[in-house]
Amino acid sequence: VQLVESGGGLVQPGGSLRLSCVASGFTFSGAVMRWYRQAPGKERELVAAISSVGDSTAYADSVKGRFTISRDNAKDTVYLQMNSLKPEDTAVYYCNAWRPRWGNSWGQGTQVTVSS
């Protein structure tokens, strides 16, 4: 199982970034996909989740209306579109896959820094 995130970087407040996570080594269409983030000194928190077929999504209150999670099962890829970014969105963002029987798998993370 491998999850590889990309798309992080430095952005000014109010800006946008699109994170991608490419999966391999398992049946991507059978997994619930999630994005988590962890800021320095804080616990890892769930940001957004999407069902295996993409018909259901959920978001943390702090990102509702600004972030959008989506997936392309033909490309084994999940995305996180982040708009109207705030300094408090600064964190390492992790891709997570959950599968029945197998549980959680994690990517290595990608740094997002929102600063002027």
N, C-alpha and C. Protein backbone atom coordinates (compact mmCIF):
# COMPACT_ATOMS: atom_id res chain seq x y z
N VAL A 1 0.85 -1.19 0.00
CA VAL A 1 0.00 0.00 0.00
C VAL A 1 0.89 1.24 0.00
N GLN A 2 0.59 2.15 -0.89
CA GLN A 2 1.35 3.40 -0.94
C GLN A 2 0.41 4.57 -1.24
N LEU A 3 0.58 5.63 -0.47
CA LEU A 3 -0.15 6.88 -0.69
C LEU A 3 0.87 7.99 -0.80
N VAL A 4 0.85 8.72 -1.91
CA VAL A 4 1.84 9.76 -2.15
C VAL A 4 1.14 11.09 -2.36
N GLU A 5 1.36 12.01 -1.41
CA GLU A 5 0.75 13.34 -1.49
C GLU A 5 1.64 14.30 -2.24
N SER A 6 1.04 15.28 -2.84
CA SER A 6 1.76 16.37 -3.49
C SER A 6 0.88 17.60 -3.52
N GLY A 7 1.50 18.73 -3.86
CA GLY A 7 0.73 19.97 -4.02
C GLY A 7 0.86 20.96 -2.89
N GLY A 8 1.55 20.59 -1.83
CA GLY A 8 1.73 21.53 -0.73
C GLY A 8 2.70 22.63 -1.10
N GLY A 9 2.81 23.61 -0.21
CA GLY A 9 3.73 24.71 -0.46
C GLY A 9 3.40 25.92 0.37
N LEU A 10 4.01 27.03 0.01
CA LEU A 10 3.80 28.30 0.70
C LEU A 10 2.81 29.14 -0.11
N VAL A 11 1.79 29.66 0.58
CA VAL A 11 0.78 30.47 -0.09
C VAL A 11 0.39 31.61 0.83
N GLN A 12 0.00 32.73 0.24
CA GLN A 12 -0.43 33.88 1.03
C GLN A 12 -1.86 33.68 1.54
N PRO A 13 -2.19 34.32 2.64
CA PRO A 13 -3.59 34.25 3.12
C PRO A 13 -4.55 34.67 2.02
N GLY A 14 -5.64 33.91 1.91
CA GLY A 14 -6.61 34.15 0.85
C GLY A 14 -6.35 33.38 -0.41
N GLY A 15 -5.19 32.75 -0.49
CA GLY A 15 -4.82 32.00 -1.68
C GLY A 15 -5.40 30.60 -1.71
N SER A 16 -5.02 29.85 -2.73
CA SER A 16 -5.54 28.50 -2.94
C SER A 16 -4.41 27.52 -3.21
N LEU A 17 -4.66 26.29 -2.84
CA LEU A 17 -3.79 25.16 -3.18
C LEU A 17 -4.66 23.95 -3.47
N ARG A 18 -4.12 23.06 -4.30
CA ARG A 18 -4.81 21.79 -4.55
C ARG A 18 -3.86 20.65 -4.21
N LEU A 19 -4.22 19.87 -3.23
CA LEU A 19 -3.44 18.71 -2.85
C LEU A 19 -3.93 17.49 -3.63
N SER A 20 -2.99 16.62 -3.96
CA SER A 20 -3.32 15.36 -4.62
C SER A 20 -2.71 14.21 -3.83
N CYS A 21 -3.34 13.07 -3.90
CA CYS A 21 -2.83 11.86 -3.26
C CYS A 21 -3.06 10.70 -4.22
N VAL A 22 -1.97 10.13 -4.71
CA VAL A 22 -2.05 9.00 -5.62
C VAL A 22 -1.86 7.72 -4.84
N ALA A 23 -2.78 6.79 -5.02
CA ALA A 23 -2.76 5.53 -4.28
C ALA A 23 -2.29 4.39 -5.16
N SER A 24 -1.67 3.40 -4.55
CA SER A 24 -1.28 2.20 -5.26
C SER A 24 -1.20 1.04 -4.27
N GLY A 25 -1.30 -0.17 -4.81
CA GLY A 25 -1.14 -1.35 -3.98
C GLY A 25 -2.41 -1.89 -3.37
N PHE A 26 -3.54 -1.27 -3.67
CA PHE A 26 -4.82 -1.75 -3.17
C PHE A 26 -5.92 -1.27 -4.10
N THR A 27 -7.13 -1.79 -3.87
CA THR A 27 -8.27 -1.41 -4.69
C THR A 27 -8.80 -0.07 -4.22
N PHE A 28 -8.41 0.98 -4.91
CA PHE A 28 -8.71 2.34 -4.49
C PHE A 28 -10.22 2.57 -4.36
N SER A 29 -10.99 2.02 -5.28
CA SER A 29 -12.44 2.26 -5.27
C SER A 29 -13.15 1.59 -4.11
N GLY A 30 -12.43 0.78 -3.35
CA GLY A 30 -13.01 0.15 -2.18
C GLY A 30 -12.69 0.85 -0.88
N ALA A 31 -11.99 1.97 -0.95
CA ALA A 31 -11.52 2.65 0.25
C ALA A 31 -12.22 3.98 0.46
N VAL A 32 -12.56 4.25 1.73
CA VAL A 32 -12.92 5.61 2.13
C VAL A 32 -11.62 6.40 2.20
N MET A 33 -11.63 7.57 1.63
CA MET A 33 -10.42 8.41 1.62
C MET A 33 -10.63 9.64 2.48
N ARG A 34 -9.58 10.01 3.21
CA ARG A 34 -9.67 11.15 4.11
C ARG A 34 -8.41 11.99 4.01
N TRP A 35 -8.55 13.25 4.32
CA TRP A 35 -7.41 14.14 4.53
C TRP A 35 -7.39 14.55 6.00
N TYR A 36 -6.24 14.43 6.60
CA TYR A 36 -5.99 14.89 7.96
C TYR A 36 -4.93 15.98 7.91
N ARG A 37 -4.81 16.71 8.99
CA ARG A 37 -3.71 17.65 9.10
C ARG A 37 -3.22 17.70 10.54
N GLN A 38 -1.96 18.08 10.68
CA GLN A 38 -1.37 18.21 12.01
C GLN A 38 -0.49 19.45 12.03
N ALA A 39 -0.86 20.38 12.89
CA ALA A 39 -0.08 21.59 13.08
C ALA A 39 0.92 21.37 14.21
N PRO A 40 2.00 22.13 14.25
CA PRO A 40 3.00 21.96 15.31
C PRO A 40 2.38 22.08 16.69
N GLY A 41 2.66 21.09 17.53
CA GLY A 41 2.16 21.12 18.90
C GLY A 41 0.71 20.73 19.06
N LYS A 42 0.07 20.33 17.97
CA LYS A 42 -1.34 19.96 18.03
C LYS A 42 -1.55 18.53 17.58
N GLU A 43 -2.70 17.98 17.95
CA GLU A 43 -3.03 16.63 17.54
C GLU A 43 -3.46 16.62 16.07
N ARG A 44 -3.30 15.45 15.45
CA ARG A 44 -3.77 15.29 14.09
C ARG A 44 -5.29 15.37 14.07
N GLU A 45 -5.84 16.11 13.11
CA GLU A 45 -7.29 16.27 13.03
C GLU A 45 -7.80 15.92 11.64
N LEU A 46 -9.03 15.41 11.60
CA LEU A 46 -9.68 15.08 10.35
C LEU A 46 -10.15 16.37 9.68
N VAL A 47 -9.81 16.52 8.41
CA VAL A 47 -10.19 17.70 7.64
C VAL A 47 -11.38 17.40 6.75
N ALA A 48 -11.31 16.30 5.99
CA ALA A 48 -12.37 15.97 5.04
C ALA A 48 -12.33 14.49 4.73
N ALA A 49 -13.49 13.96 4.35
CA ALA A 49 -13.60 12.54 4.00
C ALA A 49 -14.53 12.40 2.81
N ILE A 50 -14.30 11.33 2.05
CA ILE A 50 -15.15 11.05 0.89
C ILE A 50 -15.37 9.54 0.81
N SER A 51 -16.60 9.16 0.48
CA SER A 51 -16.94 7.74 0.41
C SER A 51 -16.22 7.07 -0.77
N SER A 52 -16.31 5.75 -0.78
CA SER A 52 -15.55 4.99 -1.77
C SER A 52 -15.95 5.31 -3.21
N VAL A 53 -17.22 5.62 -3.42
CA VAL A 53 -17.67 5.94 -4.79
C VAL A 53 -17.83 7.44 -5.00
N GLY A 54 -17.55 8.21 -3.98
CA GLY A 54 -17.55 9.67 -4.12
C GLY A 54 -18.90 10.33 -3.98
N ASP A 55 -19.89 9.60 -3.49
CA ASP A 55 -21.23 10.19 -3.41
C ASP A 55 -21.53 10.84 -2.08
N SER A 56 -20.59 10.80 -1.16
CA SER A 56 -20.80 11.40 0.15
C SER A 56 -19.50 12.02 0.64
N THR A 57 -19.59 13.22 1.17
CA THR A 57 -18.43 13.91 1.71
C THR A 57 -18.74 14.48 3.08
N ALA A 58 -17.69 14.75 3.84
CA ALA A 58 -17.84 15.36 5.16
C ALA A 58 -16.64 16.24 5.42
N TYR A 59 -16.87 17.31 6.20
CA TYR A 59 -15.81 18.28 6.44
C TYR A 59 -15.77 18.71 7.91
N ALA A 60 -14.58 19.06 8.36
CA ALA A 60 -14.47 19.71 9.65
C ALA A 60 -15.13 21.09 9.57
N ASP A 61 -15.71 21.53 10.66
CA ASP A 61 -16.38 22.83 10.68
C ASP A 61 -15.43 23.95 10.25
N SER A 62 -14.18 23.82 10.62
CA SER A 62 -13.21 24.88 10.36
C SER A 62 -12.91 25.09 8.88
N VAL A 63 -13.25 24.11 8.03
CA VAL A 63 -12.93 24.21 6.60
C VAL A 63 -14.16 24.20 5.71
N LYS A 64 -15.34 24.03 6.29
CA LYS A 64 -16.56 23.99 5.48
C LYS A 64 -16.72 25.27 4.67
N GLY A 65 -17.06 25.09 3.41
CA GLY A 65 -17.24 26.24 2.52
C GLY A 65 -15.95 26.73 1.88
N ARG A 66 -14.80 26.23 2.36
CA ARG A 66 -13.51 26.65 1.79
C ARG A 66 -12.76 25.51 1.11
N PHE A 67 -12.90 24.30 1.66
CA PHE A 67 -12.19 23.13 1.13
C PHE A 67 -13.19 22.21 0.44
N THR A 68 -12.71 21.52 -0.59
CA THR A 68 -13.52 20.52 -1.30
C THR A 68 -12.69 19.27 -1.54
N ILE A 69 -13.21 18.14 -1.08
CA ILE A 69 -12.57 16.86 -1.33
C ILE A 69 -13.25 16.20 -2.53
N SER A 70 -12.44 15.56 -3.37
CA SER A 70 -12.98 14.84 -4.52
C SER A 70 -12.06 13.67 -4.83
N ARG A 71 -12.52 12.78 -5.67
CA ARG A 71 -11.71 11.62 -6.05
C ARG A 71 -11.98 11.25 -7.49
N ASP A 72 -10.97 10.63 -8.10
CA ASP A 72 -11.08 10.08 -9.45
C ASP A 72 -10.65 8.61 -9.35
N ASN A 73 -11.62 7.73 -9.30
CA ASN A 73 -11.30 6.31 -9.12
C ASN A 73 -10.60 5.72 -10.34
N ALA A 74 -10.75 6.35 -11.49
CA ALA A 74 -10.04 5.88 -12.68
C ALA A 74 -8.55 6.18 -12.59
N LYS A 75 -8.20 7.20 -11.79
CA LYS A 75 -6.80 7.60 -11.64
C LYS A 75 -6.23 7.24 -10.26
N ASP A 76 -7.04 6.57 -9.43
CA ASP A 76 -6.60 6.20 -8.08
C ASP A 76 -6.07 7.41 -7.31
N THR A 77 -6.80 8.50 -7.42
CA THR A 77 -6.34 9.76 -6.86
C THR A 77 -7.46 10.46 -6.09
N VAL A 78 -7.09 11.02 -4.95
CA VAL A 78 -8.00 11.86 -4.18
C VAL A 78 -7.39 13.26 -4.11
N TYR A 79 -8.26 14.26 -4.11
CA TYR A 79 -7.83 15.65 -4.14
C TYR A 79 -8.41 16.41 -2.94
N LEU A 80 -7.72 17.49 -2.61
CA LEU A 80 -8.26 18.44 -1.64
C LEU A 80 -8.02 19.84 -2.20
N GLN A 81 -9.09 20.47 -2.66
CA GLN A 81 -9.02 21.85 -3.14
C GLN A 81 -9.21 22.76 -1.94
N MET A 82 -8.24 23.63 -1.70
CA MET A 82 -8.26 24.51 -0.54
C MET A 82 -8.28 25.96 -1.02
N ASN A 83 -9.36 26.64 -0.72
CA ASN A 83 -9.52 28.05 -1.10
C ASN A 83 -9.60 28.91 0.15
N SER A 84 -9.41 30.21 -0.05
CA SER A 84 -9.49 31.18 1.06
C SER A 84 -8.66 30.73 2.24
N LEU A 85 -7.45 30.35 1.97
CA LEU A 85 -6.59 29.80 3.01
C LEU A 85 -6.26 30.84 4.07
N LYS A 86 -6.15 30.35 5.31
CA LYS A 86 -5.86 31.18 6.47
C LYS A 86 -4.58 30.70 7.13
N PRO A 87 -3.91 31.56 7.87
CA PRO A 87 -2.70 31.12 8.57
C PRO A 87 -2.94 29.90 9.46
N GLU A 88 -4.11 29.78 10.03
CA GLU A 88 -4.40 28.63 10.89
C GLU A 88 -4.57 27.33 10.12
N ASP A 89 -4.57 27.39 8.79
CA ASP A 89 -4.58 26.16 7.99
C ASP A 89 -3.17 25.58 7.83
N THR A 90 -2.17 26.30 8.31
CA THR A 90 -0.80 25.81 8.22
C THR A 90 -0.64 24.51 8.99
N ALA A 91 -0.16 23.49 8.30
CA ALA A 91 -0.02 22.16 8.90
C ALA A 91 0.61 21.22 7.88
N VAL A 92 0.96 20.05 8.36
CA VAL A 92 1.28 18.95 7.45
C VAL A 92 -0.02 18.22 7.16
N TYR A 93 -0.30 18.04 5.89
CA TYR A 93 -1.55 17.40 5.46
C TYR A 93 -1.26 15.96 5.04
N TYR A 94 -2.04 15.03 5.58
CA TYR A 94 -1.85 13.61 5.35
C TYR A 94 -3.05 13.00 4.64
N CYS A 95 -2.75 12.17 3.68
CA CYS A 95 -3.76 11.37 3.00
C CYS A 95 -3.96 10.07 3.77
N ASN A 96 -5.20 9.64 3.90
CA ASN A 96 -5.52 8.43 4.64
C ASN A 96 -6.51 7.59 3.84
N ALA A 97 -6.27 6.29 3.84
CA ALA A 97 -7.21 5.35 3.22
C ALA A 97 -7.70 4.38 4.28
N TRP A 98 -9.00 4.18 4.33
CA TRP A 98 -9.56 3.20 5.26
C TRP A 98 -10.31 2.15 4.46
N ARG A 99 -9.96 0.90 4.75
CA ARG A 99 -10.61 -0.21 4.06
C ARG A 99 -11.12 -1.21 5.09
N PRO A 100 -12.31 -1.77 4.82
CA PRO A 100 -12.80 -2.83 5.71
C PRO A 100 -11.78 -3.95 5.81
N ARG A 101 -11.59 -4.51 6.95
CA ARG A 101 -10.63 -5.58 7.25
C ARG A 101 -9.20 -5.10 7.38
N TRP A 102 -8.82 -4.09 6.58
CA TRP A 102 -7.42 -3.68 6.58
C TRP A 102 -7.14 -2.43 7.39
N GLY A 103 -8.17 -1.67 7.68
CA GLY A 103 -7.96 -0.49 8.49
C GLY A 103 -7.31 0.65 7.74
N ASN A 104 -6.51 1.43 8.49
CA ASN A 104 -5.96 2.67 7.98
C ASN A 104 -4.59 2.50 7.34
N SER A 105 -4.37 3.28 6.27
CA SER A 105 -3.05 3.45 5.66
C SER A 105 -2.82 4.95 5.50
N TRP A 106 -1.53 5.36 5.62
CA TRP A 106 -1.21 6.78 5.64
C TRP A 106 -0.14 7.13 4.61
N GLY A 107 -0.24 8.35 4.10
CA GLY A 107 0.83 8.90 3.29
C GLY A 107 1.89 9.54 4.17
N GLN A 108 2.91 10.09 3.53
CA GLN A 108 4.02 10.67 4.28
C GLN A 108 3.77 12.12 4.67
N GLY A 109 2.77 12.74 4.07
CA GLY A 109 2.40 14.10 4.39
C GLY A 109 3.02 15.12 3.45
N THR A 110 2.34 16.26 3.34
CA THR A 110 2.84 17.38 2.55
C THR A 110 2.60 18.66 3.34
N GLN A 111 3.60 19.52 3.38
CA GLN A 111 3.53 20.72 4.19
C GLN A 111 2.76 21.82 3.46
N VAL A 112 1.82 22.42 4.18
CA VAL A 112 1.11 23.61 3.69
C VAL A 112 1.39 24.74 4.66
N THR A 113 1.91 25.83 4.15
CA THR A 113 2.20 27.00 4.97
C THR A 113 1.48 28.22 4.38
N VAL A 114 0.67 28.83 5.22
CA VAL A 114 -0.09 30.02 4.80
C VAL A 114 0.48 31.21 5.56
N SER A 115 1.16 32.08 4.82
CA SER A 115 1.83 33.20 5.47
C SER A 115 2.08 34.30 4.45
N SER A 116 2.06 35.53 4.93
CA SER A 116 2.39 36.66 4.07
C SER A 116 3.87 37.01 4.18
